């Protein structure tokens, strides 16, 4: 009798778990930070609006734009039926704005898409499907890099090799609990704080789940594209901090980068 009852309890427990996973549709938070983005933000907003997964909230964190950005946001606000929230105020840079969005987010998973980039329309659906199977972690896929309307490359790097390069945060989704446990973007870096954040997650053994589909499109020409050398200088400092290179190696690489910048300035 006791053995039969125990088997029944185990069976019921398994069925219950399966049912929860199958029917659960977690809320996803998407964040866009922007300033004077009237020329590009429409494509970004529409890529969120037209997602095949509907249980999402959208936060636009504007840095006190002086062009038509706010008017465009207001134009799209009714189309989200209460799911779009925005603020417009001065900030301390792009990562400060991203942190504001993360603090406002209430979803189980958080994605960040720049105001000149855009998602594939099934991106969030793919993330949620994997999240249901794997739980809290960092989810990342393929990033399509675009320049002047043409595809330049597809970027996807296994997280174990992220110290060599950074795919870009538009192709990453992070469980809200991971931010709560391990912190937000550091304001010590102007361009490479997303790289530092991933190194921090890796060092603290956060789960990474790779998805072999294109999730987002990156328009070459953003902050990290314009300031290439400064970006790589920050990368080298972060690699040193997390033990991937020695101090001597860091200093040598930074010297080479600064020399290249100087030569480029002298000889265009």
C-alpha atoms as a PDB file:
ATOM      1  CA  UNK A   1       0.000   0.000   0.000  1.00  0.00           C
ATOM      2  CA  UNK A   2       2.739   2.457   0.966  1.00  0.00           C
ATOM      3  CA  UNK A   3       4.805   1.600  -2.134  1.00  0.00           C
ATOM      4  CA  UNK A   4       1.790   2.076  -4.405  1.00  0.00           C
ATOM      5  CA  UNK A   5       0.997   5.410  -2.743  1.00  0.00           C
ATOM      6  CA  UNK A   6       4.593   6.550  -3.123  1.00  0.00           C
ATOM      7  CA  UNK A   7       4.587   5.678  -6.840  1.00  0.00           C
ATOM      8  CA  UNK A   8       1.337   7.582  -7.273  1.00  0.00           C
ATOM      9  CA  UNK A   9       2.789  10.630  -5.579  1.00  0.00           C
ATOM     10  CA  UNK A  10       5.910  10.482  -7.741  1.00  0.00           C
ATOM     11  CA  UNK A  11       3.813  10.152 -10.891  1.00  0.00           C
ATOM     12  CA  UNK A  12       1.629  13.105  -9.901  1.00  0.00           C
ATOM     13  CA  UNK A  13       4.709  15.181  -9.145  1.00  0.00           C
ATOM     14  CA  UNK A  14       6.224  14.464 -12.560  1.00  0.00           C
ATOM     15  CA  UNK A  15       2.986  15.291 -14.375  1.00  0.00           C
ATOM     16  CA  UNK A  16       2.647  18.533 -12.455  1.00  0.00           C
ATOM     17  CA  UNK A  17       6.163  19.637 -13.368  1.00  0.00           C
ATOM     18  CA  UNK A  18       5.622  18.828 -17.025  1.00  0.00           C
ATOM     19  CA  UNK A  19       2.346  20.759 -17.079  1.00  0.00           C
ATOM     20  CA  UNK A  20       3.927  23.878 -15.548  1.00  0.00           C
ATOM     21  CA  UNK A  21       6.742  23.900 -18.114  1.00  0.00           C
ATOM     22  CA  UNK A  22       4.348  23.311 -21.006  1.00  0.00           C
ATOM     23  CA  UNK A  23       1.820  26.072 -20.268  1.00  0.00           C
ATOM     24  CA  UNK A  24       4.049  28.735 -18.717  1.00  0.00           C
ATOM     25  CA  UNK A  25       4.551  31.832 -20.868  1.00  0.00           C
ATOM     26  CA  UNK A  26       6.974  34.061 -18.963  1.00  0.00           C
ATOM     27  CA  UNK A  27       6.872  37.821 -19.307  1.00  0.00           C
ATOM     28  CA  UNK A  28       9.804  39.142 -21.328  1.00  0.00           C
ATOM     29  CA  UNK A  29      11.140  42.677 -20.883  1.00  0.00           C
ATOM     30  CA  UNK A  30      12.763  44.464 -23.836  1.00  0.00           C
ATOM     31  CA  UNK A  31      14.784  47.644 -23.369  1.00  0.00           C
ATOM     32  CA  UNK A  32      15.839  50.223 -25.940  1.00  0.00           C
ATOM     33  CA  UNK A  33      18.064  53.148 -24.997  1.00  0.00           C
ATOM     34  CA  UNK A  34      18.203  56.081 -27.354  1.00  0.00           C
ATOM     35  CA  UNK A  35      18.967  59.727 -27.939  1.00  0.00           C
ATOM     36  CA  UNK A  36      18.086  61.625 -31.109  1.00  0.00           C
ATOM     37  CA  UNK A  37      17.252  58.402 -32.928  1.00  0.00           C
ATOM     38  CA  UNK A  38      14.458  59.635 -35.200  1.00  0.00           C
ATOM     39  CA  UNK A  39      16.130  58.181 -38.307  1.00  0.00           C
ATOM     40  CA  UNK A  40      16.391  54.603 -37.055  1.00  0.00           C
ATOM     41  CA  UNK A  41      14.153  53.922 -34.055  1.00  0.00           C
ATOM     42  CA  UNK A  42      11.021  53.104 -36.067  1.00  0.00           C
ATOM     43  CA  UNK A  43      12.571  49.873 -37.373  1.00  0.00           C
ATOM     44  CA  UNK A  44      13.653  48.968 -33.835  1.00  0.00           C
ATOM     45  CA  UNK A  45      10.217  49.611 -32.349  1.00  0.00           C
ATOM     46  CA  UNK A  46       8.417  47.696 -35.093  1.00  0.00           C
ATOM     47  CA  UNK A  47      10.703  44.699 -34.618  1.00  0.00           C
ATOM     48  CA  UNK A  48       9.523  44.550 -30.999  1.00  0.00           C
ATOM     49  CA  UNK A  49       5.880  45.313 -31.798  1.00  0.00           C
ATOM     50  CA  UNK A  50       5.656  42.538 -34.400  1.00  0.00           C
ATOM     51  CA  UNK A  51       7.273  39.747 -32.387  1.00  0.00           C
ATOM     52  CA  UNK A  52       5.595  36.344 -32.705  1.00  0.00           C
ATOM     53  CA  UNK A  53       5.679  36.138 -28.896  1.00  0.00           C
ATOM     54  CA  UNK A  54       3.238  38.591 -27.338  1.00  0.00           C
ATOM     55  CA  UNK A  55       3.760  38.387 -23.569  1.00  0.00           C
ATOM     56  CA  UNK A  56       6.289  41.182 -23.366  1.00  0.00           C
ATOM     57  CA  UNK A  57       6.768  44.657 -21.974  1.00  0.00           C
ATOM     58  CA  UNK A  58       8.805  47.325 -23.704  1.00  0.00           C
ATOM     59  CA  UNK A  59      10.838  50.082 -22.063  1.00  0.00           C
ATOM     60  CA  UNK A  60      12.357  52.923 -24.049  1.00  0.00           C
ATOM     61  CA  UNK A  61      14.896  54.929 -22.080  1.00  0.00           C
ATOM     62  CA  UNK A  62      15.512  58.200 -23.882  1.00  0.00           C
ATOM     63  CA  UNK A  63      18.397  60.511 -23.027  1.00  0.00           C
ATOM     64  CA  UNK A  64      16.496  63.796 -23.444  1.00  0.00           C
ATOM     65  CA  UNK A  65      16.258  63.762 -27.236  1.00  0.00           C
ATOM     66  CA  UNK A  66      15.899  67.075 -29.062  1.00  0.00           C
ATOM     67  CA  UNK A  67      14.666  65.666 -32.383  1.00  0.00           C
ATOM     68  CA  UNK A  68      11.424  63.781 -33.208  1.00  0.00           C
ATOM     69  CA  UNK A  69      12.308  60.643 -31.213  1.00  0.00           C
ATOM     70  CA  UNK A  70       9.727  61.273 -28.476  1.00  0.00           C
ATOM     71  CA  UNK A  71       7.020  62.071 -31.039  1.00  0.00           C
ATOM     72  CA  UNK A  72       7.706  58.723 -32.740  1.00  0.00           C
ATOM     73  CA  UNK A  73       7.550  56.877 -29.414  1.00  0.00           C
ATOM     74  CA  UNK A  74       4.197  58.522 -28.621  1.00  0.00           C
ATOM     75  CA  UNK A  75       2.939  57.555 -32.062  1.00  0.00           C
ATOM     76  CA  UNK A  76       3.612  53.877 -31.361  1.00  0.00           C
ATOM     77  CA  UNK A  77       2.484  53.885 -27.728  1.00  0.00           C
ATOM     78  CA  UNK A  78      -1.189  52.994 -28.430  1.00  0.00           C
ATOM     79  CA  UNK A  79      -0.165  50.103 -30.676  1.00  0.00           C
ATOM     80  CA  UNK A  80       1.447  48.329 -27.712  1.00  0.00           C
ATOM     81  CA  UNK A  81      -1.814  48.512 -25.724  1.00  0.00           C
ATOM     82  CA  UNK A  82      -0.225  49.427 -22.412  1.00  0.00           C
ATOM     83  CA  UNK A  83       2.925  47.353 -22.862  1.00  0.00           C
ATOM     84  CA  UNK A  84       5.168  50.279 -23.892  1.00  0.00           C
ATOM     85  CA  UNK A  85       6.659  52.465 -21.164  1.00  0.00           C
ATOM     86  CA  UNK A  86       9.155  55.270 -21.708  1.00  0.00           C
ATOM     87  CA  UNK A  87      11.086  57.964 -19.902  1.00  0.00           C
ATOM     88  CA  UNK A  88      13.064  60.897 -21.287  1.00  0.00           C
ATOM     89  CA  UNK A  89      15.747  62.466 -19.119  1.00  0.00           C
ATOM     90  CA  UNK A  90      19.472  63.110 -18.947  1.00  0.00           C
ATOM     91  CA  UNK A  91      21.646  60.125 -18.119  1.00  0.00           C
ATOM     92  CA  UNK A  92      25.289  59.337 -17.467  1.00  0.00           C
ATOM     93  CA  UNK A  93      25.775  57.415 -20.705  1.00  0.00           C
ATOM     94  CA  UNK A  94      24.450  54.363 -22.522  1.00  0.00           C
ATOM     95  CA  UNK A  95      25.095  51.894 -19.699  1.00  0.00           C
ATOM     96  CA  UNK A  96      23.472  54.132 -17.115  1.00  0.00           C
ATOM     97  CA  UNK A  97      20.399  54.208 -19.378  1.00  0.00           C
ATOM     98  CA  UNK A  98      20.462  50.412 -19.759  1.00  0.00           C
ATOM     99  CA  UNK A  99      20.637  50.015 -15.990  1.00  0.00           C
ATOM    100  CA  UNK A 100      17.583  52.257 -15.616  1.00  0.00           C
ATOM    101  CA  UNK A 101      15.686  49.961 -17.959  1.00  0.00           C
ATOM    102  CA  UNK A 102      16.773  46.815 -16.133  1.00  0.00           C
ATOM    103  CA  UNK A 103      15.636  48.265 -12.799  1.00  0.00           C
ATOM    104  CA  UNK A 104      12.206  48.998 -14.299  1.00  0.00           C
ATOM    105  CA  UNK A 105      11.839  45.564 -15.918  1.00  0.00           C
ATOM    106  CA  UNK A 106       9.501  43.044 -14.323  1.00  0.00           C
ATOM    107  CA  UNK A 107       9.907  40.218 -16.834  1.00  0.00           C
ATOM    108  CA  UNK A 108      11.603  36.895 -16.188  1.00  0.00           C
ATOM    109  CA  UNK A 109      13.937  37.523 -19.125  1.00  0.00           C
ATOM    110  CA  UNK A 110      15.432  40.807 -20.325  1.00  0.00           C
ATOM    111  CA  UNK A 111      16.649  41.728 -23.794  1.00  0.00           C
ATOM    112  CA  UNK A 112      18.345  44.972 -24.826  1.00  0.00           C
ATOM    113  CA  UNK A 113      18.126  46.208 -28.420  1.00  0.00           C
ATOM    114  CA  UNK A 114      19.758  49.436 -29.581  1.00  0.00           C
ATOM    115  CA  UNK A 115      17.771  52.174 -31.306  1.00  0.00           C
ATOM    116  CA  UNK A 116      19.524  51.540 -34.628  1.00  0.00           C
ATOM    117  CA  UNK A 117      19.308  47.727 -34.449  1.00  0.00           C
ATOM    118  CA  UNK A 118      16.380  45.339 -34.762  1.00  0.00           C
ATOM    119  CA  UNK A 119      15.233  41.850 -33.785  1.00  0.00           C
ATOM    120  CA  UNK A 120      14.267  38.993 -36.031  1.00  0.00           C
ATOM    121  CA  UNK A 121      10.512  38.619 -35.583  1.00  0.00           C
ATOM    122  CA  UNK A 122      10.742  35.198 -33.906  1.00  0.00           C
ATOM    123  CA  UNK A 123      13.711  36.100 -31.669  1.00  0.00           C
ATOM    124  CA  UNK A 124      11.815  36.286 -28.390  1.00  0.00           C
ATOM    125  CA  UNK A 125       9.788  33.159 -29.163  1.00  0.00           C
ATOM    126  CA  UNK A 126      13.034  31.220 -29.610  1.00  0.00           C
ATOM    127  CA  UNK A 127      14.450  32.621 -26.380  1.00  0.00           C
ATOM    128  CA  UNK A 128      11.340  31.711 -24.396  1.00  0.00           C
ATOM    129  CA  UNK A 129      11.300  28.181 -25.802  1.00  0.00           C
ATOM    130  CA  UNK A 130      14.873  27.651 -24.632  1.00  0.00           C
ATOM    131  CA  UNK A 131      14.220  29.364 -21.297  1.00  0.00           C
ATOM    132  CA  UNK A 132      11.381  26.952 -20.544  1.00  0.00           C
ATOM    133  CA  UNK A 133      13.779  24.054 -21.049  1.00  0.00           C
ATOM    134  CA  UNK A 134      16.801  25.457 -19.217  1.00  0.00           C
ATOM    135  CA  UNK A 135      15.700  28.007 -16.616  1.00  0.00           C
ATOM    136  CA  UNK A 136      17.575  31.121 -15.511  1.00  0.00           C
ATOM    137  CA  UNK A 137      20.733  31.964 -17.403  1.00  0.00           C
ATOM    138  CA  UNK A 138      22.197  33.943 -20.287  1.00  0.00           C
ATOM    139  CA  UNK A 139      20.738  33.149 -23.704  1.00  0.00           C
ATOM    140  CA  UNK A 140      22.609  34.182 -26.821  1.00  0.00           C
ATOM    141  CA  UNK A 141      22.329  33.600 -30.527  1.00  0.00           C
ATOM    142  CA  UNK A 142      23.657  34.783 -33.864  1.00  0.00           C
ATOM    143  CA  UNK A 143      24.094  38.490 -34.553  1.00  0.00           C
ATOM    144  CA  UNK A 144      23.834  39.680 -38.166  1.00  0.00           C
ATOM    145  CA  UNK A 145      26.134  42.654 -38.747  1.00  0.00           C
ATOM    146  CA  UNK A 146      24.878  45.159 -41.316  1.00  0.00           C
ATOM    147  CA  UNK A 147      26.504  48.127 -43.031  1.00  0.00           C
ATOM    148  CA  UNK A 148      24.753  50.419 -45.508  1.00  0.00           C
ATOM    149  CA  UNK A 149      21.908  47.925 -45.820  1.00  0.00           C
ATOM    150  CA  UNK A 150      24.182  44.991 -46.673  1.00  0.00           C
ATOM    151  CA  UNK A 151      25.108  41.961 -44.605  1.00  0.00           C
ATOM    152  CA  UNK A 152      28.752  42.119 -43.524  1.00  0.00           C
ATOM    153  CA  UNK A 153      28.977  39.008 -41.354  1.00  0.00           C
ATOM    154  CA  UNK A 154      27.214  36.657 -38.974  1.00  0.00           C
ATOM    155  CA  UNK A 155      28.713  36.561 -35.472  1.00  0.00           C
ATOM    156  CA  UNK A 156      28.320  33.718 -33.012  1.00  0.00           C
ATOM    157  CA  UNK A 157      30.920  32.747 -30.442  1.00  0.00           C
ATOM    158  CA  UNK A 158      30.662  30.005 -27.854  1.00  0.00           C
ATOM    159  CA  UNK A 159      30.650  31.652 -24.448  1.00  0.00           C
ATOM    160  CA  UNK A 160      33.853  29.813 -23.477  1.00  0.00           C
ATOM    161  CA  UNK A 161      35.661  31.942 -26.067  1.00  0.00           C
ATOM    162  CA  UNK A 162      33.955  35.258 -25.412  1.00  0.00           C
ATOM    163  CA  UNK A 163      37.163  36.566 -23.887  1.00  0.00           C
ATOM    164  CA  UNK A 164      38.492  36.737 -27.464  1.00  0.00           C
ATOM    165  CA  UNK A 165      35.655  38.838 -28.847  1.00  0.00           C
ATOM    166  CA  UNK A 166      32.180  40.143 -28.061  1.00  0.00           C
ATOM    167  CA  UNK A 167      29.135  39.267 -30.140  1.00  0.00           C
ATOM    168  CA  UNK A 168      27.123  42.283 -28.970  1.00  0.00           C
ATOM    169  CA  UNK A 169      24.325  42.657 -26.430  1.00  0.00           C
ATOM    170  CA  UNK A 170      21.446  42.785 -29.006  1.00  0.00           C
ATOM    171  CA  UNK A 171      21.897  39.016 -29.428  1.00  0.00           C
ATOM    172  CA  UNK A 172      21.787  38.359 -25.664  1.00  0.00           C
ATOM    173  CA  UNK A 173      18.883  37.838 -23.295  1.00  0.00           C
ATOM    174  CA  UNK A 174      19.538  37.575 -19.569  1.00  0.00           C
ATOM    175  CA  UNK A 175      17.252  36.218 -16.857  1.00  0.00           C
ATOM    176  CA  UNK A 176      16.208  38.977 -14.461  1.00  0.00           C
ATOM    177  CA  UNK A 177      17.441  36.901 -11.515  1.00  0.00           C
ATOM    178  CA  UNK A 178      20.945  36.864 -12.998  1.00  0.00           C
ATOM    179  CA  UNK A 179      21.091  40.658 -12.945  1.00  0.00           C
ATOM    180  CA  UNK A 180      19.756  40.673  -9.408  1.00  0.00           C
ATOM    181  CA  UNK A 181      22.371  38.164  -8.259  1.00  0.00           C
ATOM    182  CA  UNK A 182      25.438  39.374 -10.148  1.00  0.00           C
ATOM    183  CA  UNK A 183      24.885  43.066 -10.811  1.00  0.00           C
ATOM    184  CA  UNK A 184      24.198  45.390 -13.729  1.00  0.00           C
ATOM    185  CA  UNK A 185      26.446  47.191 -16.220  1.00  0.00           C
ATOM    186  CA  UNK A 186      29.503  48.834 -14.712  1.00  0.00           C
ATOM    187  CA  UNK A 187      29.773  52.585 -15.289  1.00  0.00           C
ATOM    188  CA  UNK A 188      33.575  52.326 -15.205  1.00  0.00           C
ATOM    189  CA  UNK A 189      33.572  51.667 -18.956  1.00  0.00           C
ATOM    190  CA  UNK A 190      32.216  53.889 -21.718  1.00  0.00           C
ATOM    191  CA  UNK A 191      31.967  51.326 -24.520  1.00  0.00           C
ATOM    192  CA  UNK A 192      32.829  47.799 -23.345  1.00  0.00           C
ATOM    193  CA  UNK A 193      30.727  47.401 -20.210  1.00  0.00           C
ATOM    194  CA  UNK A 194      28.627  44.707 -21.887  1.00  0.00           C
ATOM    195  CA  UNK A 195      31.849  42.746 -22.432  1.00  0.00           C
ATOM    196  CA  UNK A 196      32.813  43.173 -18.768  1.00  0.00           C
ATOM    197  CA  UNK A 197      29.379  42.002 -17.688  1.00  0.00           C
ATOM    198  CA  UNK A 198      29.686  38.772 -19.681  1.00  0.00           C
ATOM    199  CA  UNK A 199      33.173  38.141 -18.274  1.00  0.00           C
ATOM    200  CA  UNK A 200      31.720  38.633 -14.776  1.00  0.00           C
ATOM    201  CA  UNK A 201      28.915  36.156 -15.481  1.00  0.00           C
ATOM    202  CA  UNK A 202      31.376  33.582 -16.837  1.00  0.00           C
ATOM    203  CA  UNK A 203      33.678  33.938 -13.835  1.00  0.00           C
ATOM    204  CA  UNK A 204      30.736  33.386 -11.494  1.00  0.00           C
ATOM    205  CA  UNK A 205      29.655  30.224 -13.364  1.00  0.00           C
ATOM    206  CA  UNK A 206      26.368  31.610 -14.692  1.00  0.00           C
ATOM    207  CA  UNK A 207      24.674  29.232 -17.128  1.00  0.00           C
ATOM    208  CA  UNK A 208      25.050  30.198 -20.812  1.00  0.00           C
ATOM    209  CA  UNK A 209      22.742  28.712 -23.437  1.00  0.00           C
ATOM    210  CA  UNK A 210      23.596  29.110 -27.120  1.00  0.00           C
ATOM    211  CA  UNK A 211      20.838  29.326 -29.730  1.00  0.00           C
ATOM    212  CA  UNK A 212      21.904  28.684 -33.310  1.00  0.00           C
ATOM    213  CA  UNK A 213      19.570  31.149 -34.982  1.00  0.00           C
ATOM    214  CA  UNK A 214      19.878  34.784 -35.981  1.00  0.00           C
ATOM    215  CA  UNK A 215      18.241  36.774 -33.190  1.00  0.00           C
ATOM    216  CA  UNK A 216      19.203  40.364 -33.925  1.00  0.00           C
ATOM    217  CA  UNK A 217      20.644  42.671 -36.539  1.00  0.00           C
ATOM    218  CA  UNK A 218      23.431  45.080 -35.612  1.00  0.00           C
ATOM    219  CA  UNK A 219      23.780  48.237 -37.678  1.00  0.00           C
ATOM    220  CA  UNK A 220      27.498  48.977 -37.881  1.00  0.00           C
ATOM    221  CA  UNK A 221      28.045  52.592 -36.892  1.00  0.00           C
ATOM    222  CA  UNK A 222      26.974  52.667 -33.241  1.00  0.00           C
ATOM    223  CA  UNK A 223      29.066  53.798 -30.283  1.00  0.00           C
ATOM    224  CA  UNK A 224      31.327  50.735 -30.217  1.00  0.00           C
ATOM    225  CA  UNK A 225      31.771  50.924 -34.009  1.00  0.00           C
ATOM    226  CA  UNK A 226      32.776  54.598 -34.109  1.00  0.00           C
ATOM    227  CA  UNK A 227      35.321  54.283 -31.326  1.00  0.00           C
ATOM    228  CA  UNK A 228      36.975  51.017 -32.352  1.00  0.00           C
ATOM    229  CA  UNK A 229      40.362  51.632 -30.766  1.00  0.00           C
ATOM    230  CA  UNK A 230      38.915  52.902 -27.483  1.00  0.00           C
ATOM    231  CA  UNK A 231      36.693  49.825 -27.415  1.00  0.00           C
ATOM    232  CA  UNK A 232      39.639  47.456 -27.782  1.00  0.00           C
ATOM    233  CA  UNK A 233      41.624  49.332 -25.147  1.00  0.00           C
ATOM    234  CA  UNK A 234      38.779  48.722 -22.715  1.00  0.00           C
ATOM    235  CA  UNK A 235      38.636  45.088 -23.829  1.00  0.00           C
ATOM    236  CA  UNK A 236      42.325  44.598 -22.985  1.00  0.00           C
ATOM    237  CA  UNK A 237      41.878  46.146 -19.542  1.00  0.00           C
ATOM    238  CA  UNK A 238      38.945  43.834 -18.857  1.00  0.00           C
ATOM    239  CA  UNK A 239      40.861  40.782 -20.099  1.00  0.00           C
ATOM    240  CA  UNK A 240      43.630  41.646 -17.654  1.00  0.00           C
ATOM    241  CA  UNK A 241      41.214  42.163 -14.746  1.00  0.00           C
ATOM    242  CA  UNK A 242      39.650  38.738 -15.335  1.00  0.00           C
ATOM    243  CA  UNK A 243      42.982  36.963 -15.742  1.00  0.00           C
ATOM    244  CA  UNK A 244      43.036  36.243 -19.485  1.00  0.00           C
ATOM    245  CA  UNK A 245      46.248  38.209 -20.119  1.00  0.00           C
ATOM    246  CA  UNK A 246      49.130  39.445 -17.985  1.00  0.00           C
ATOM    247  CA  UNK A 247      49.644  43.082 -17.063  1.00  0.00           C
ATOM    248  CA  UNK A 248      52.673  43.253 -19.332  1.00  0.00           C
ATOM    249  CA  UNK A 249      50.663  41.866 -22.244  1.00  0.00           C
ATOM    250  CA  UNK A 250      47.868  44.360 -21.580  1.00  0.00           C
ATOM    251  CA  UNK A 251      50.278  47.305 -21.544  1.00  0.00           C
ATOM    252  CA  UNK A 252      51.901  46.129 -24.773  1.00  0.00           C
ATOM    253  CA  UNK A 253      48.574  45.720 -26.571  1.00  0.00           C
ATOM    254  CA  UNK A 254      47.281  49.084 -25.386  1.00  0.00           C
ATOM    255  CA  UNK A 255      50.513  50.739 -26.529  1.00  0.00           C
ATOM    256  CA  UNK A 256      50.034  49.253 -29.998  1.00  0.00           C
ATOM    257  CA  UNK A 257      46.413  50.399 -30.135  1.00  0.00           C
ATOM    258  CA  UNK A 258      47.277  53.953 -29.112  1.00  0.00           C
ATOM    259  CA  UNK A 259      50.137  54.067 -31.580  1.00  0.00           C
ATOM    260  CA  UNK A 260      47.812  52.927 -34.346  1.00  0.00           C
ATOM    261  CA  UNK A 261      45.342  55.651 -33.360  1.00  0.00           C
ATOM    262  CA  UNK A 262      48.080  58.271 -33.436  1.00  0.00           C
ATOM    263  CA  UNK A 263      49.348  57.146 -36.832  1.00  0.00           C
ATOM    264  CA  UNK A 264      45.814  57.160 -38.210  1.00  0.00           C
ATOM    265  CA  UNK A 265      45.399  60.734 -36.984  1.00  0.00           C
ATOM    266  CA  UNK A 266      48.712  61.852 -38.503  1.00  0.00           C
ATOM    267  CA  UNK A 267      48.343  59.860 -41.731  1.00  0.00           C
ATOM    268  CA  UNK A 268      44.621  59.596 -42.617  1.00  0.00           C
END
